Amino acid sequence: MTLLFSTATHPQLRSASVGRSLGYRAAEELGRQGGRSAPVLAWGMQIWVTFIAGFVLFRGVSRHTFGLVQSKLFPFYFYTLLGCTFLNLAIFASYHPRELLSAWDTVQIVSFFIGLILAASNASWLSQVTTKTMFKMQEIEREHGLGDEVGLSARREAYQLLKEKDAKYQSLRQKFFKFHGLSSLCNLAGVFCTGVNLACLALQLDSL
């Protein structure tokens, strides 16, 4: 004979079932809160590296020292940003099934995905080419006694003269500014994507 047990007629089983349900809901809510607060960490790092650290550093050290520091900082920055963005996307997607996505959820998940692509492009390609080209430029500049100046305006005429006389330097300079511009554009777009996510979170504060 098969005995059918019901949680309605067995208080201990019903209590265990409710406990498991509440535990699951608590874990789910914790995951949701983590997915909502995680973009703040990436945002703070992006704002500091993009708008503060570089400008302060450039005004305080020589050009070549600045380039060396940036060559060490940027790989760590971009790979950390890539990891944060992937984590944000994974957490958000795991608690927002595709069939239940609202308009705000769709905007957020698309922003996370675009930010992931931009961070990956910078980490694996753009910043690496920019750094390699910069070091080649610095080799030529050192041969002409340049690179120890502090600030963008120092010895500007000497750099202009080198650019006009050395075709290789001119070519490297063009390549550097091309990839540096693309890298900066991707980074700024990534900042915008994170900002969009934070804006979406702010507009949904009443549901937190």
C-alpha atoms as a PDB file:
ATOM      1  CA  MET A   1       0.000   0.000   0.000  1.00  0.00           C
ATOM      2  CA  THR A   2       1.250   3.470  -0.848  1.00  0.00           C
ATOM      3  CA  LEU A   3       0.828   6.111   1.807  1.00  0.00           C
ATOM      4  CA  LEU A   4       0.310   9.696   0.568  1.00  0.00           C
ATOM      5  CA  PHE A   5       1.536  12.349   2.992  1.00  0.00           C
ATOM      6  CA  SER A   6       0.333  15.943   2.829  1.00  0.00           C
ATOM      7  CA  THR A   7       2.148  18.905   4.336  1.00  0.00           C
ATOM      8  CA  ALA A   8      -1.251  20.257   5.279  1.00  0.00           C
ATOM      9  CA  THR A   9      -1.844  17.321   7.657  1.00  0.00           C
ATOM     10  CA  HIS A  10       1.734  17.054   8.918  1.00  0.00           C
ATOM     11  CA  PRO A  11       2.826  20.308  10.641  1.00  0.00           C
ATOM     12  CA  GLN A  12       6.509  19.338  10.790  1.00  0.00           C
ATOM     13  CA  LEU A  13       6.680  18.688   7.067  1.00  0.00           C
ATOM     14  CA  ARG A  14       4.760  21.869   6.346  1.00  0.00           C
ATOM     15  CA  SER A  15       7.151  23.850   8.540  1.00  0.00           C
ATOM     16  CA  ALA A  16      10.191  22.381   6.763  1.00  0.00           C
ATOM     17  CA  SER A  17       8.670  23.152   3.370  1.00  0.00           C
ATOM     18  CA  VAL A  18       7.940  26.752   4.334  1.00  0.00           C
ATOM     19  CA  GLY A  19      11.446  27.107   5.733  1.00  0.00           C
ATOM     20  CA  ARG A  20      13.006  25.905   2.514  1.00  0.00           C
ATOM     21  CA  SER A  21      10.772  28.258   0.528  1.00  0.00           C
ATOM     22  CA  LEU A  22      11.697  31.227   2.689  1.00  0.00           C
ATOM     23  CA  GLY A  23      15.362  30.314   2.493  1.00  0.00           C
ATOM     24  CA  TYR A  24      15.195  30.138  -1.274  1.00  0.00           C
ATOM     25  CA  ARG A  25      13.423  33.473  -1.465  1.00  0.00           C
ATOM     26  CA  ALA A  26      15.974  35.064   0.850  1.00  0.00           C
ATOM     27  CA  ALA A  27      18.828  33.740  -1.277  1.00  0.00           C
ATOM     28  CA  GLU A  28      17.088  34.966  -4.417  1.00  0.00           C
ATOM     29  CA  GLU A  29      16.563  38.421  -2.945  1.00  0.00           C
ATOM     30  CA  LEU A  30      20.188  38.527  -1.834  1.00  0.00           C
ATOM     31  CA  GLY A  31      21.233  37.725  -5.392  1.00  0.00           C
ATOM     32  CA  ARG A  32      18.963  40.433  -6.739  1.00  0.00           C
ATOM     33  CA  GLN A  33      20.409  42.993  -4.348  1.00  0.00           C
ATOM     34  CA  GLY A  34      23.931  41.935  -5.304  1.00  0.00           C
ATOM     35  CA  GLY A  35      23.090  42.330  -8.974  1.00  0.00           C
ATOM     36  CA  ARG A  36      21.677  45.784  -8.273  1.00  0.00           C
ATOM     37  CA  SER A  37      24.613  47.103  -6.240  1.00  0.00           C
ATOM     38  CA  ALA A  38      27.495  45.541  -8.199  1.00  0.00           C
ATOM     39  CA  PRO A  39      27.570  48.184 -11.003  1.00  0.00           C
ATOM     40  CA  VAL A  40      28.429  50.846  -8.397  1.00  0.00           C
ATOM     41  CA  LEU A  41      31.870  49.268  -7.880  1.00  0.00           C
ATOM     42  CA  ALA A  42      32.681  49.303 -11.604  1.00  0.00           C
ATOM     43  CA  TRP A  43      31.344  52.859 -11.909  1.00  0.00           C
ATOM     44  CA  GLY A  44      33.624  54.168  -9.168  1.00  0.00           C
ATOM     45  CA  MET A  45      36.681  52.562 -10.738  1.00  0.00           C
ATOM     46  CA  GLN A  46      35.792  53.888 -14.200  1.00  0.00           C
ATOM     47  CA  ILE A  47      35.284  57.447 -12.964  1.00  0.00           C
ATOM     48  CA  TRP A  48      38.562  57.447 -11.044  1.00  0.00           C
ATOM     49  CA  VAL A  49      40.738  56.024 -13.838  1.00  0.00           C
ATOM     50  CA  THR A  50      39.048  57.928 -16.673  1.00  0.00           C
ATOM     51  CA  PHE A  51      38.564  61.400 -15.228  1.00  0.00           C
ATOM     52  CA  ILE A  52      40.871  61.775 -12.222  1.00  0.00           C
ATOM     53  CA  ALA A  53      43.980  59.583 -11.985  1.00  0.00           C
ATOM     54  CA  GLY A  54      45.357  60.185 -15.478  1.00  0.00           C
ATOM     55  CA  PHE A  55      44.985  63.968 -15.420  1.00  0.00           C
ATOM     56  CA  VAL A  56      46.555  64.297 -11.973  1.00  0.00           C
ATOM     57  CA  LEU A  57      49.431  61.977 -12.873  1.00  0.00           C
ATOM     58  CA  PHE A  58      50.175  63.661 -16.206  1.00  0.00           C
ATOM     59  CA  ARG A  59      50.667  66.999 -14.491  1.00  0.00           C
ATOM     60  CA  GLY A  60      53.047  65.580 -11.888  1.00  0.00           C
ATOM     61  CA  VAL A  61      55.491  63.261 -13.691  1.00  0.00           C
ATOM     62  CA  SER A  62      57.466  63.205 -16.934  1.00  0.00           C
ATOM     63  CA  ARG A  63      55.893  62.011 -20.180  1.00  0.00           C
ATOM     64  CA  HIS A  64      57.771  58.726 -20.281  1.00  0.00           C
ATOM     65  CA  THR A  65      57.113  58.006 -16.618  1.00  0.00           C
ATOM     66  CA  PHE A  66      53.440  58.716 -17.213  1.00  0.00           C
ATOM     67  CA  GLY A  67      53.424  56.298 -20.150  1.00  0.00           C
ATOM     68  CA  LEU A  68      55.153  53.605 -18.094  1.00  0.00           C
ATOM     69  CA  VAL A  69      52.653  53.939 -15.240  1.00  0.00           C
ATOM     70  CA  GLN A  70      49.711  53.820 -17.641  1.00  0.00           C
ATOM     71  CA  SER A  71      51.143  50.729 -19.339  1.00  0.00           C
ATOM     72  CA  LYS A  72      51.050  48.959 -15.954  1.00  0.00           C
ATOM     73  CA  LEU A  73      47.716  50.389 -14.824  1.00  0.00           C
ATOM     74  CA  PHE A  74      45.573  49.903 -17.920  1.00  0.00           C
ATOM     75  CA  PRO A  75      45.860  46.105 -18.305  1.00  0.00           C
ATOM     76  CA  PHE A  76      44.849  45.662 -14.651  1.00  0.00           C
ATOM     77  CA  TYR A  77      42.064  48.204 -15.059  1.00  0.00           C
ATOM     78  CA  PHE A  78      40.594  46.725 -18.229  1.00  0.00           C
ATOM     79  CA  TYR A  79      40.763  43.104 -17.066  1.00  0.00           C
ATOM     80  CA  THR A  80      39.251  44.038 -13.703  1.00  0.00           C
ATOM     81  CA  LEU A  81      36.514  45.942 -15.498  1.00  0.00           C
ATOM     82  CA  LEU A  82      35.964  42.956 -17.788  1.00  0.00           C
ATOM     83  CA  GLY A  83      35.584  40.663 -14.771  1.00  0.00           C
ATOM     84  CA  CYS A  84      33.215  43.054 -12.982  1.00  0.00           C
ATOM     85  CA  THR A  85      31.064  43.491 -16.078  1.00  0.00           C
ATOM     86  CA  PHE A  86      30.881  39.747 -16.673  1.00  0.00           C
ATOM     87  CA  LEU A  87      29.927  39.186 -13.032  1.00  0.00           C
ATOM     88  CA  ASN A  88      27.265  41.907 -13.214  1.00  0.00           C
ATOM     89  CA  LEU A  89      25.810  40.414 -16.388  1.00  0.00           C
ATOM     90  CA  ALA A  90      25.833  36.862 -14.978  1.00  0.00           C
ATOM     91  CA  ILE A  91      24.110  37.874 -11.739  1.00  0.00           C
ATOM     92  CA  PHE A  92      21.545  40.041 -13.492  1.00  0.00           C
ATOM     93  CA  ALA A  93      20.729  37.421 -16.146  1.00  0.00           C
ATOM     94  CA  SER A  94      20.396  34.608 -13.595  1.00  0.00           C
ATOM     95  CA  TYR A  95      17.638  36.486 -11.745  1.00  0.00           C
ATOM     96  CA  HIS A  96      15.891  37.924 -14.797  1.00  0.00           C
ATOM     97  CA  PRO A  97      14.602  35.159 -17.124  1.00  0.00           C
ATOM     98  CA  ARG A  98      14.271  36.255 -20.739  1.00  0.00           C
ATOM     99  CA  GLU A  99      10.529  35.644 -20.884  1.00  0.00           C
ATOM    100  CA  LEU A 100       9.979  37.920 -17.849  1.00  0.00           C
ATOM    101  CA  LEU A 101      12.181  40.847 -18.896  1.00  0.00           C
ATOM    102  CA  SER A 102      10.613  44.280 -18.554  1.00  0.00           C
ATOM    103  CA  ALA A 103      11.634  47.248 -20.707  1.00  0.00           C
ATOM    104  CA  TRP A 104      14.042  48.453 -17.995  1.00  0.00           C
ATOM    105  CA  ASP A 105      15.494  44.962 -17.595  1.00  0.00           C
ATOM    106  CA  THR A 106      16.110  44.758 -21.340  1.00  0.00           C
ATOM    107  CA  VAL A 107      17.937  48.095 -21.343  1.00  0.00           C
ATOM    108  CA  GLN A 108      20.109  46.941 -18.449  1.00  0.00           C
ATOM    109  CA  ILE A 109      21.051  43.569 -19.877  1.00  0.00           C
ATOM    110  CA  VAL A 110      21.874  45.124 -23.266  1.00  0.00           C
ATOM    111  CA  SER A 111      24.021  47.755 -21.517  1.00  0.00           C
ATOM    112  CA  PHE A 112      25.852  45.056 -19.575  1.00  0.00           C
ATOM    113  CA  PHE A 113      26.473  43.084 -22.788  1.00  0.00           C
ATOM    114  CA  ILE A 114      27.770  46.121 -24.703  1.00  0.00           C
ATOM    115  CA  GLY A 115      29.984  47.058 -21.759  1.00  0.00           C
ATOM    116  CA  LEU A 116      31.380  43.515 -21.732  1.00  0.00           C
ATOM    117  CA  ILE A 117      32.298  43.692 -25.428  1.00  0.00           C
ATOM    118  CA  LEU A 118      33.918  47.120 -25.016  1.00  0.00           C
ATOM    119  CA  ALA A 119      35.969  46.033 -22.003  1.00  0.00           C
ATOM    120  CA  ALA A 120      37.077  42.855 -23.803  1.00  0.00           C
ATOM    121  CA  SER A 121      38.119  44.871 -26.881  1.00  0.00           C
ATOM    122  CA  ASN A 122      40.253  47.162 -24.758  1.00  0.00           C
ATOM    123  CA  ALA A 123      41.755  44.401 -22.633  1.00  0.00           C
ATOM    124  CA  SER A 124      42.660  42.046 -25.471  1.00  0.00           C
ATOM    125  CA  TRP A 125      43.460  44.397 -28.361  1.00  0.00           C
ATOM    126  CA  LEU A 126      43.219  48.195 -28.335  1.00  0.00           C
ATOM    127  CA  SER A 127      45.184  48.988 -25.175  1.00  0.00           C
ATOM    128  CA  GLN A 128      47.884  46.457 -26.062  1.00  0.00           C
ATOM    129  CA  VAL A 129      48.493  47.957 -29.518  1.00  0.00           C
ATOM    130  CA  THR A 130      48.471  51.457 -28.023  1.00  0.00           C
ATOM    131  CA  THR A 131      51.068  50.526 -25.407  1.00  0.00           C
ATOM    132  CA  LYS A 132      53.403  48.761 -27.860  1.00  0.00           C
ATOM    133  CA  THR A 133      53.261  51.723 -30.233  1.00  0.00           C
ATOM    134  CA  MET A 134      53.936  54.163 -27.381  1.00  0.00           C
ATOM    135  CA  PHE A 135      57.090  52.292 -26.334  1.00  0.00           C
ATOM    136  CA  LYS A 136      58.396  52.412 -29.918  1.00  0.00           C
ATOM    137  CA  MET A 137      57.775  56.164 -29.982  1.00  0.00           C
ATOM    138  CA  GLN A 138      59.583  56.570 -26.681  1.00  0.00           C
ATOM    139  CA  GLU A 139      62.674  54.828 -28.038  1.00  0.00           C
ATOM    140  CA  ILE A 140      62.937  57.410 -30.823  1.00  0.00           C
ATOM    141  CA  GLU A 141      62.205  60.279 -28.432  1.00  0.00           C
ATOM    142  CA  ARG A 142      64.990  59.187 -26.068  1.00  0.00           C
ATOM    143  CA  GLU A 143      67.431  59.197 -28.978  1.00  0.00           C
ATOM    144  CA  HIS A 144      66.619  62.889 -29.401  1.00  0.00           C
ATOM    145  CA  GLY A 145      66.772  63.733 -25.699  1.00  0.00           C
ATOM    146  CA  LEU A 146      63.009  63.941 -25.261  1.00  0.00           C
ATOM    147  CA  GLY A 147      60.643  62.381 -22.770  1.00  0.00           C
ATOM    148  CA  ASP A 148      61.681  63.872 -19.425  1.00  0.00           C
ATOM    149  CA  GLU A 149      59.362  66.889 -19.712  1.00  0.00           C
ATOM    150  CA  VAL A 150      56.386  67.355 -17.425  1.00  0.00           C
ATOM    151  CA  GLY A 151      53.154  68.481 -19.050  1.00  0.00           C
ATOM    152  CA  LEU A 152      51.832  68.507 -22.590  1.00  0.00           C
ATOM    153  CA  SER A 153      53.096  71.970 -23.535  1.00  0.00           C
ATOM    154  CA  ALA A 154      56.766  71.422 -22.576  1.00  0.00           C
ATOM    155  CA  ARG A 155      59.160  71.400 -25.557  1.00  0.00           C
ATOM    156  CA  ARG A 156      56.281  71.231 -28.009  1.00  0.00           C
ATOM    157  CA  GLU A 157      58.432  72.651 -30.813  1.00  0.00           C
ATOM    158  CA  ALA A 158      61.004  69.848 -30.402  1.00  0.00           C
ATOM    159  CA  TYR A 159      58.307  67.180 -30.770  1.00  0.00           C
ATOM    160  CA  GLN A 160      56.884  68.949 -33.795  1.00  0.00           C
ATOM    161  CA  LEU A 161      60.327  69.102 -35.404  1.00  0.00           C
ATOM    162  CA  LEU A 162      60.919  65.397 -34.740  1.00  0.00           C
ATOM    163  CA  LYS A 163      57.574  64.564 -36.304  1.00  0.00           C
ATOM    164  CA  GLU A 164      58.454  66.527 -39.434  1.00  0.00           C
ATOM    165  CA  LYS A 165      61.955  65.070 -39.835  1.00  0.00           C
ATOM    166  CA  ASP A 166      61.369  61.404 -38.916  1.00  0.00           C
ATOM    167  CA  ALA A 167      58.854  59.582 -41.125  1.00  0.00           C
ATOM    168  CA  LYS A 168      58.902  56.483 -38.908  1.00  0.00           C
ATOM    169  CA  TYR A 169      58.105  58.562 -35.842  1.00  0.00           C
ATOM    170  CA  GLN A 170      55.313  60.296 -37.696  1.00  0.00           C
ATOM    171  CA  SER A 171      53.830  56.934 -38.716  1.00  0.00           C
ATOM    172  CA  LEU A 172      54.050  55.602 -35.160  1.00  0.00           C
ATOM    173  CA  ARG A 173      52.485  58.789 -33.849  1.00  0.00           C
ATOM    174  CA  GLN A 174      49.522  58.442 -36.221  1.00  0.00           C
ATOM    175  CA  LYS A 175      49.047  54.802 -35.251  1.00  0.00           C
ATOM    176  CA  PHE A 176      49.273  55.666 -31.555  1.00  0.00           C
ATOM    177  CA  PHE A 177      46.629  58.380 -31.714  1.00  0.00           C
ATOM    178  CA  LYS A 178      44.378  56.162 -33.828  1.00  0.00           C
ATOM    179  CA  PHE A 179      44.362  53.268 -31.351  1.00  0.00           C
ATOM    180  CA  HIS A 180      44.497  55.527 -28.304  1.00  0.00           C
ATOM    181  CA  GLY A 181      41.436  57.338 -29.615  1.00  0.00           C
ATOM    182  CA  LEU A 182      39.566  54.074 -30.205  1.00  0.00           C
ATOM    183  CA  SER A 183      40.557  52.798 -26.774  1.00  0.00           C
ATOM    184  CA  SER A 184      39.405  56.012 -25.110  1.00  0.00           C
ATOM    185  CA  LEU A 185      36.142  55.956 -27.060  1.00  0.00           C
ATOM    186  CA  CYS A 186      35.439  52.372 -25.965  1.00  0.00           C
ATOM    187  CA  ASN A 187      36.248  53.277 -22.383  1.00  0.00           C
ATOM    188  CA  LEU A 188      33.929  56.302 -22.424  1.00  0.00           C
ATOM    189  CA  ALA A 189      31.176  54.186 -23.983  1.00  0.00           C
ATOM    190  CA  GLY A 190      31.711  51.671 -21.182  1.00  0.00           C
ATOM    191  CA  VAL A 191      31.341  54.441 -18.611  1.00  0.00           C
ATOM    192  CA  PHE A 192      28.085  55.442 -20.326  1.00  0.00           C
ATOM    193  CA  CYS A 193      26.794  51.847 -20.239  1.00  0.00           C
ATOM    194  CA  THR A 194      27.487  51.577 -16.518  1.00  0.00           C
ATOM    195  CA  GLY A 195      25.828  54.940 -16.005  1.00  0.00           C
ATOM    196  CA  VAL A 196      22.731  53.725 -17.863  1.00  0.00           C
ATOM    197  CA  ASN A 197      22.538  50.719 -15.564  1.00  0.00           C
ATOM    198  CA  LEU A 198      22.796  52.891 -12.477  1.00  0.00           C
ATOM    199  CA  ALA A 199      20.129  55.229 -13.859  1.00  0.00           C
ATOM    200  CA  CYS A 200      17.820  52.253 -14.415  1.00  0.00           C
ATOM    201  CA  LEU A 201      18.429  51.125 -10.856  1.00  0.00           C
ATOM    202  CA  ALA A 202      17.678  54.605  -9.530  1.00  0.00           C
ATOM    203  CA  LEU A 203      14.404  54.736 -11.456  1.00  0.00           C
ATOM    204  CA  GLN A 204      13.364  51.421  -9.881  1.00  0.00           C
ATOM    205  CA  LEU A 205      14.247  52.253  -6.273  1.00  0.00           C
ATOM    206  CA  ASP A 206      10.601  51.975  -5.247  1.00  0.00           C
ATOM    207  CA  SER A 207      10.700  48.265  -6.087  1.00  0.00           C
ATOM    208  CA  LEU A 208      13.824  47.488  -4.038  1.00  0.00           C
END
